[in-house]
Amino acid sequence: MFLNGSIRILSVSPDMIMKRVFLTYYREKLIDWKTVRFVLDEKRISLAKPIDELGLKDGDQINAMVS
């Protein structure tokens, strides 16, 4: 999800680490990585975790929070 409330859909593989997903977001929005935190079910997501370890399924949504 983008900061303005819009949604960005990404195709990812289960073994992809979240850092790659987040870097895509930072590049597209032209923002500093230090200013945004990503959360799933109100818990901060680790950059090093692969998608399958988070239990994400098709259609799940990650929220971007400005810090």
PDB file of N, CA and C in Angstrom:
ATOM      1  N   MET A   1       0.840  -1.173   0.000  1.00  0.00           N
ATOM      2  CA  MET A   1       0.000   0.000   0.000  1.00  0.00           C
ATOM      3  C   MET A   1       0.892   1.246   0.000  1.00  0.00           C
ATOM      4  N   PHE A   2       0.534   2.213  -0.787  1.00  0.00           N
ATOM      5  CA  PHE A   2       1.289   3.451  -0.837  1.00  0.00           C
ATOM      6  C   PHE A   2       0.818   4.408   0.246  1.00  0.00           C
ATOM      7  N   LEU A   3       1.643   5.392   0.542  1.00  0.00           N
ATOM      8  CA  LEU A   3       1.365   6.339   1.617  1.00  0.00           C
ATOM      9  C   LEU A   3       0.064   7.102   1.427  1.00  0.00           C
ATOM     10  N   ASN A   4      -0.352   7.292   0.198  1.00  0.00           N
ATOM     11  CA  ASN A   4      -1.571   8.056  -0.049  1.00  0.00           C
ATOM     12  C   ASN A   4      -2.816   7.180  -0.035  1.00  0.00           C
ATOM     13  N   GLY A   5      -2.684   5.912   0.348  1.00  0.00           N
ATOM     14  CA  GLY A   5      -3.824   5.025   0.419  1.00  0.00           C
ATOM     15  C   GLY A   5      -4.014   4.158  -0.800  1.00  0.00           C
ATOM     16  N   SER A   6      -3.238   4.401  -1.851  1.00  0.00           N
ATOM     17  CA  SER A   6      -3.361   3.561  -3.036  1.00  0.00           C
ATOM     18  C   SER A   6      -2.696   2.205  -2.798  1.00  0.00           C
ATOM     19  N   ILE A   7      -3.078   1.238  -3.593  1.00  0.00           N
ATOM     20  CA  ILE A   7      -2.560  -0.117  -3.424  1.00  0.00           C
ATOM     21  C   ILE A   7      -1.634  -0.456  -4.580  1.00  0.00           C
ATOM     22  N   ARG A   8      -0.530  -1.108  -4.253  1.00  0.00           N
ATOM     23  CA  ARG A   8       0.438  -1.572  -5.258  1.00  0.00           C
ATOM     24  C   ARG A   8       0.485  -3.086  -5.167  1.00  0.00           C
ATOM     25  N   ILE A   9       0.225  -3.768  -6.262  1.00  0.00           N
ATOM     26  CA  ILE A   9       0.241  -5.227  -6.282  1.00  0.00           C
ATOM     27  C   ILE A   9       1.559  -5.691  -6.873  1.00  0.00           C
ATOM     28  N   LEU A  10       2.223  -6.604  -6.168  1.00  0.00           N
ATOM     29  CA  LEU A  10       3.491  -7.154  -6.624  1.00  0.00           C
ATOM     30  C   LEU A  10       3.388  -8.663  -6.770  1.00  0.00           C
ATOM     31  N   SER A  11       4.032  -9.195  -7.793  1.00  0.00           N
ATOM     32  CA  SER A  11       4.155 -10.646  -7.934  1.00  0.00           C
ATOM     33  C   SER A  11       5.473 -11.045  -7.307  1.00  0.00           C
ATOM     34  N   VAL A  12       5.417 -11.977  -6.368  1.00  0.00           N
ATOM     35  CA  VAL A  12       6.618 -12.388  -5.650  1.00  0.00           C
ATOM     36  C   VAL A  12       6.655 -13.908  -5.531  1.00  0.00           C
ATOM     37  N   SER A  13       7.839 -14.421  -5.266  1.00  0.00           N
ATOM     38  CA  SER A  13       7.971 -15.860  -5.030  1.00  0.00           C
ATOM     39  C   SER A  13       8.012 -16.104  -3.523  1.00  0.00           C
ATOM     40  N   PRO A  14       7.609 -17.297  -3.077  1.00  0.00           N
ATOM     41  CA  PRO A  14       7.550 -17.577  -1.640  1.00  0.00           C
ATOM     42  C   PRO A  14       8.893 -17.450  -0.920  1.00  0.00           C
ATOM     43  N   ASP A  15       9.994 -17.670  -1.637  1.00  0.00           N
ATOM     44  CA  ASP A  15      11.301 -17.609  -0.985  1.00  0.00           C
ATOM     45  C   ASP A  15      11.952 -16.225  -1.072  1.00  0.00           C
ATOM     46  N   MET A  16      11.271 -15.266  -1.670  1.00  0.00           N
ATOM     47  CA  MET A  16      11.816 -13.906  -1.780  1.00  0.00           C
ATOM     48  C   MET A  16      11.843 -13.259  -0.394  1.00  0.00           C
ATOM     49  N   ILE A  17      12.963 -12.603  -0.067  1.00  0.00           N
ATOM     50  CA  ILE A  17      13.029 -11.916   1.223  1.00  0.00           C
ATOM     51  C   ILE A  17      12.309 -10.571   1.115  1.00  0.00           C
ATOM     52  N   MET A  18      11.779 -10.142   2.223  1.00  0.00           N
ATOM     53  CA  MET A  18      10.966  -8.928   2.250  1.00  0.00           C
ATOM     54  C   MET A  18      11.763  -7.682   1.856  1.00  0.00           C
ATOM     55  N   LYS A  19      13.054  -7.695   2.063  1.00  0.00           N
ATOM     56  CA  LYS A  19      13.879  -6.540   1.695  1.00  0.00           C
ATOM     57  C   LYS A  19      13.688  -6.177   0.224  1.00  0.00           C
ATOM     58  N   ARG A  20      13.590  -7.171  -0.653  1.00  0.00           N
ATOM     59  CA  ARG A  20      13.395  -6.888  -2.081  1.00  0.00           C
ATOM     60  C   ARG A  20      12.046  -6.221  -2.333  1.00  0.00           C
ATOM     61  N   VAL A  21      11.026  -6.666  -1.635  1.00  0.00           N
ATOM     62  CA  VAL A  21       9.701  -6.070  -1.774  1.00  0.00           C
ATOM     63  C   VAL A  21       9.739  -4.612  -1.312  1.00  0.00           C
ATOM     64  N   PHE A  22      10.357  -4.380  -0.164  1.00  0.00           N
ATOM     65  CA  PHE A  22      10.427  -3.033   0.389  1.00  0.00           C
ATOM     66  C   PHE A  22      11.250  -2.091  -0.496  1.00  0.00           C
ATOM     67  N   LEU A  23      12.353  -2.580  -1.037  1.00  0.00           N
ATOM     68  CA  LEU A  23      13.184  -1.750  -1.911  1.00  0.00           C
ATOM     69  C   LEU A  23      12.405  -1.300  -3.148  1.00  0.00           C
ATOM     70  N   THR A  24      11.566  -2.166  -3.671  1.00  0.00           N
ATOM     71  CA  THR A  24      10.712  -1.799  -4.804  1.00  0.00           C
ATOM     72  C   THR A  24       9.807  -0.635  -4.411  1.00  0.00           C
ATOM     73  N   TYR A  25       9.231  -0.716  -3.245  1.00  0.00           N
ATOM     74  CA  TYR A  25       8.348   0.346  -2.744  1.00  0.00           C
ATOM     75  C   TYR A  25       9.115   1.669  -2.609  1.00  0.00           C
ATOM     76  N   TYR A  26      10.284   1.619  -1.977  1.00  0.00           N
ATOM     77  CA  TYR A  26      11.075   2.840  -1.772  1.00  0.00           C
ATOM     78  C   TYR A  26      11.439   3.494  -3.100  1.00  0.00           C
ATOM     79  N   ARG A  27      11.862   2.679  -4.066  1.00  0.00           N
ATOM     80  CA  ARG A  27      12.248   3.222  -5.371  1.00  0.00           C
ATOM     81  C   ARG A  27      11.062   3.860  -6.087  1.00  0.00           C
ATOM     82  N   GLU A  28       9.924   3.183  -6.080  1.00  0.00           N
ATOM     83  CA  GLU A  28       8.755   3.708  -6.780  1.00  0.00           C
ATOM     84  C   GLU A  28       8.217   4.989  -6.153  1.00  0.00           C
ATOM     85  N   LYS A  29       8.284   5.099  -4.834  1.00  0.00           N
ATOM     86  CA  LYS A  29       7.774   6.277  -4.152  1.00  0.00           C
ATOM     87  C   LYS A  29       8.828   7.366  -3.941  1.00  0.00           C
ATOM     88  N   LEU A  30      10.080   7.052  -4.275  1.00  0.00           N
ATOM     89  CA  LEU A  30      11.184   8.000  -4.112  1.00  0.00           C
ATOM     90  C   LEU A  30      11.280   8.508  -2.672  1.00  0.00           C
ATOM     91  N   ILE A  31      11.269   7.560  -1.738  1.00  0.00           N
ATOM     92  CA  ILE A  31      11.337   7.916  -0.326  1.00  0.00           C
ATOM     93  C   ILE A  31      12.529   7.239   0.348  1.00  0.00           C
ATOM     94  N   ASP A  32      12.940   7.803   1.448  1.00  0.00           N
ATOM     95  CA  ASP A  32      14.035   7.257   2.246  1.00  0.00           C
ATOM     96  C   ASP A  32      13.537   6.057   3.034  1.00  0.00           C
ATOM     97  N   TRP A  33      14.281   4.969   2.994  1.00  0.00           N
ATOM     98  CA  TRP A  33      13.870   3.736   3.680  1.00  0.00           C
ATOM     99  C   TRP A  33      13.717   3.914   5.184  1.00  0.00           C
ATOM    100  N   LYS A  34      14.364   4.916   5.742  1.00  0.00           N
ATOM    101  CA  LYS A  34      14.295   5.138   7.188  1.00  0.00           C
ATOM    102  C   LYS A  34      12.964   5.751   7.640  1.00  0.00           C
ATOM    103  N   THR A  35      12.162   6.221   6.697  1.00  0.00           N
ATOM    104  CA  THR A  35      10.936   6.929   7.053  1.00  0.00           C
ATOM    105  C   THR A  35       9.687   6.056   7.049  1.00  0.00           C
ATOM    106  N   VAL A  36       9.807   4.802   6.618  1.00  0.00           N
ATOM    107  CA  VAL A  36       8.633   3.938   6.503  1.00  0.00           C
ATOM    108  C   VAL A  36       8.872   2.612   7.211  1.00  0.00           C
ATOM    109  N   ARG A  37       7.843   2.140   7.900  1.00  0.00           N
ATOM    110  CA  ARG A  37       7.865   0.821   8.533  1.00  0.00           C
ATOM    111  C   ARG A  37       6.728   0.012   7.943  1.00  0.00           C
ATOM    112  N   PHE A  38       6.991  -1.254   7.687  1.00  0.00           N
ATOM    113  CA  PHE A  38       5.977  -2.128   7.128  1.00  0.00           C
ATOM    114  C   PHE A  38       5.445  -3.050   8.215  1.00  0.00           C
ATOM    115  N   VAL A  39       4.123  -3.184   8.263  1.00  0.00           N
ATOM    116  CA  VAL A  39       3.503  -3.999   9.296  1.00  0.00           C
ATOM    117  C   VAL A  39       2.490  -4.967   8.689  1.00  0.00           C
ATOM    118  N   LEU A  40       2.370  -6.092   9.358  1.00  0.00           N
ATOM    119  CA  LEU A  40       1.391  -7.114   9.012  1.00  0.00           C
ATOM    120  C   LEU A  40       0.748  -7.549  10.316  1.00  0.00           C
ATOM    121  N   ASP A  41      -0.557  -7.467  10.390  1.00  0.00           N
ATOM    122  CA  ASP A  41      -1.280  -7.795  11.619  1.00  0.00           C
ATOM    123  C   ASP A  41      -0.728  -7.028  12.821  1.00  0.00           C
ATOM    124  N   GLU A  42      -0.446  -5.749  12.616  1.00  0.00           N
ATOM    125  CA  GLU A  42       0.046  -4.821  13.649  1.00  0.00           C
ATOM    126  C   GLU A  42       1.435  -5.152  14.178  1.00  0.00           C
ATOM    127  N   LYS A  43       2.194  -6.009  13.471  1.00  0.00           N
ATOM    128  CA  LYS A  43       3.560  -6.339  13.869  1.00  0.00           C
ATOM    129  C   LYS A  43       4.512  -5.920  12.762  1.00  0.00           C
ATOM    130  N   ARG A  44       5.626  -5.315  13.154  1.00  0.00           N
ATOM    131  CA  ARG A  44       6.627  -4.885  12.185  1.00  0.00           C
ATOM    132  C   ARG A  44       7.227  -6.090  11.469  1.00  0.00           C
ATOM    133  N   ILE A  45       7.449  -5.954  10.175  1.00  0.00           N
ATOM    134  CA  ILE A  45       7.994  -7.035   9.360  1.00  0.00           C
ATOM    135  C   ILE A  45       9.509  -6.891   9.263  1.00  0.00           C
ATOM    136  N   SER A  46      10.221  -7.984   9.470  1.00  0.00           N
ATOM    137  CA  SER A  46      11.666  -8.009   9.360  1.00  0.00           C
ATOM    138  C   SER A  46      12.092  -8.023   7.895  1.00  0.00           C
ATOM    139  N   LEU A  47      13.122  -7.249   7.568  1.00  0.00           N
ATOM    140  CA  LEU A  47      13.644  -7.215   6.206  1.00  0.00           C
ATOM    141  C   LEU A  47      14.200  -8.557   5.753  1.00  0.00           C
ATOM    142  N   ALA A  48      14.727  -9.331   6.686  1.00  0.00           N
ATOM    143  CA  ALA A  48      15.415 -10.574   6.349  1.00  0.00           C
ATOM    144  C   ALA A  48      14.486 -11.774   6.180  1.00  0.00           C
ATOM    145  N   LYS A  49      13.234 -11.636   6.546  1.00  0.00           N
ATOM    146  CA  LYS A  49      12.303 -12.780   6.488  1.00  0.00           C
ATOM    147  C   LYS A  49      11.840 -13.045   5.061  1.00  0.00           C
ATOM    148  N   PRO A  50      11.820 -14.331   4.670  1.00  0.00           N
ATOM    149  CA  PRO A  50      11.205 -14.660   3.382  1.00  0.00           C
ATOM    150  C   PRO A  50       9.677 -14.632   3.503  1.00  0.00           C
ATOM    151  N   ILE A  51       9.030 -14.434   2.389  1.00  0.00           N
ATOM    152  CA  ILE A  51       7.580 -14.317   2.367  1.00  0.00           C
ATOM    153  C   ILE A  51       6.894 -15.536   2.968  1.00  0.00           C
ATOM    154  N   ASP A  52       7.381 -16.731   2.635  1.00  0.00           N
ATOM    155  CA  ASP A  52       6.711 -17.933   3.148  1.00  0.00           C
ATOM    156  C   ASP A  52       6.829 -18.071   4.664  1.00  0.00           C
ATOM    157  N   GLU A  53       7.880 -17.512   5.262  1.00  0.00           N
ATOM    158  CA  GLU A  53       8.032 -17.552   6.727  1.00  0.00           C
ATOM    159  C   GLU A  53       7.030 -16.650   7.434  1.00  0.00           C
ATOM    160  N   LEU A  54       6.566 -15.626   6.749  1.00  0.00           N
ATOM    161  CA  LEU A  54       5.587 -14.710   7.327  1.00  0.00           C
ATOM    162  C   LEU A  54       4.172 -15.272   7.250  1.00  0.00           C
ATOM    163  N   GLY A  55       4.008 -16.316   6.467  1.00  0.00           N
ATOM    164  CA  GLY A  55       2.681 -16.901   6.312  1.00  0.00           C
ATOM    165  C   GLY A  55       1.784 -16.108   5.376  1.00  0.00           C
ATOM    166  N   LEU A  56       2.381 -15.267   4.527  1.00  0.00           N
ATOM    167  CA  LEU A  56       1.592 -14.484   3.580  1.00  0.00           C
ATOM    168  C   LEU A  56       0.964 -15.400   2.534  1.00  0.00           C
ATOM    169  N   LYS A  57      -0.280 -15.077   2.173  1.00  0.00           N
ATOM    170  CA  LYS A  57      -0.984 -15.815   1.141  1.00  0.00           C
ATOM    171  C   LYS A  57      -1.412 -14.846   0.052  1.00  0.00           C
ATOM    172  N   ASP A  58      -1.784 -15.384  -1.087  1.00  0.00           N
ATOM    173  CA  ASP A  58      -2.253 -14.584  -2.200  1.00  0.00           C
ATOM    174  C   ASP A  58      -3.363 -13.655  -1.737  1.00  0.00           C
ATOM    175  N   GLY A  59      -3.210 -12.378  -2.014  1.00  0.00           N
ATOM    176  CA  GLY A  59      -4.219 -11.392  -1.644  1.00  0.00           C
ATOM    177  C   GLY A  59      -3.978 -10.703  -0.305  1.00  0.00           C
ATOM    178  N   ASP A  60      -2.992 -11.169   0.476  1.00  0.00           N
ATOM    179  CA  ASP A  60      -2.692 -10.516   1.751  1.00  0.00           C
ATOM    180  C   ASP A  60      -2.157  -9.105   1.505  1.00  0.00           C
ATOM    181  N   GLN A  61      -2.357  -8.243   2.465  1.00  0.00           N
ATOM    182  CA  GLN A  61      -1.943  -6.848   2.345  1.00  0.00           C
ATOM    183  C   GLN A  61      -0.984  -6.473   3.453  1.00  0.00           C
ATOM    184  N   ILE A  62       0.078  -5.771   3.067  1.00  0.00           N
ATOM    185  CA  ILE A  62       1.060  -5.237   4.018  1.00  0.00           C
ATOM    186  C   ILE A  62       0.838  -3.732   4.068  1.00  0.00           C
ATOM    187  N   ASN A  63       0.865  -3.168   5.247  1.00  0.00           N
ATOM    188  CA  ASN A  63       0.664  -1.723   5.402  1.00  0.00           C
ATOM    189  C   ASN A  63       1.997  -1.013   5.588  1.00  0.00           C
ATOM    190  N   ALA A  64       2.118   0.153   4.971  1.00  0.00           N
ATOM    191  CA  ALA A  64       3.291   1.010   5.101  1.00  0.00           C
ATOM    192  C   ALA A  64       2.940   2.139   6.064  1.00  0.00           C
ATOM    193  N   MET A  65       3.735   2.287   7.110  1.00  0.00           N
ATOM    194  CA  MET A  65       3.487   3.304   8.125  1.00  0.00           C
ATOM    195  C   MET A  65       4.636   4.310   8.130  1.00  0.00           C
ATOM    196  N   VAL A  66       4.302   5.584   8.105  1.00  0.00           N
ATOM    197  CA  VAL A  66       5.323   6.635   8.161  1.00  0.00           C
ATOM    198  C   VAL A  66       5.761   6.778   9.616  1.00  0.00           C
ATOM    199  N   SER A  67       7.091   6.790   9.810  1.00  0.00           N
ATOM    200  CA  SER A  67       7.593   6.924  11.181  1.00  0.00           C
ATOM    201  C   SER A  67       8.222   8.281  11.417  1.00  0.00           C
TER     202      SER A  67
END
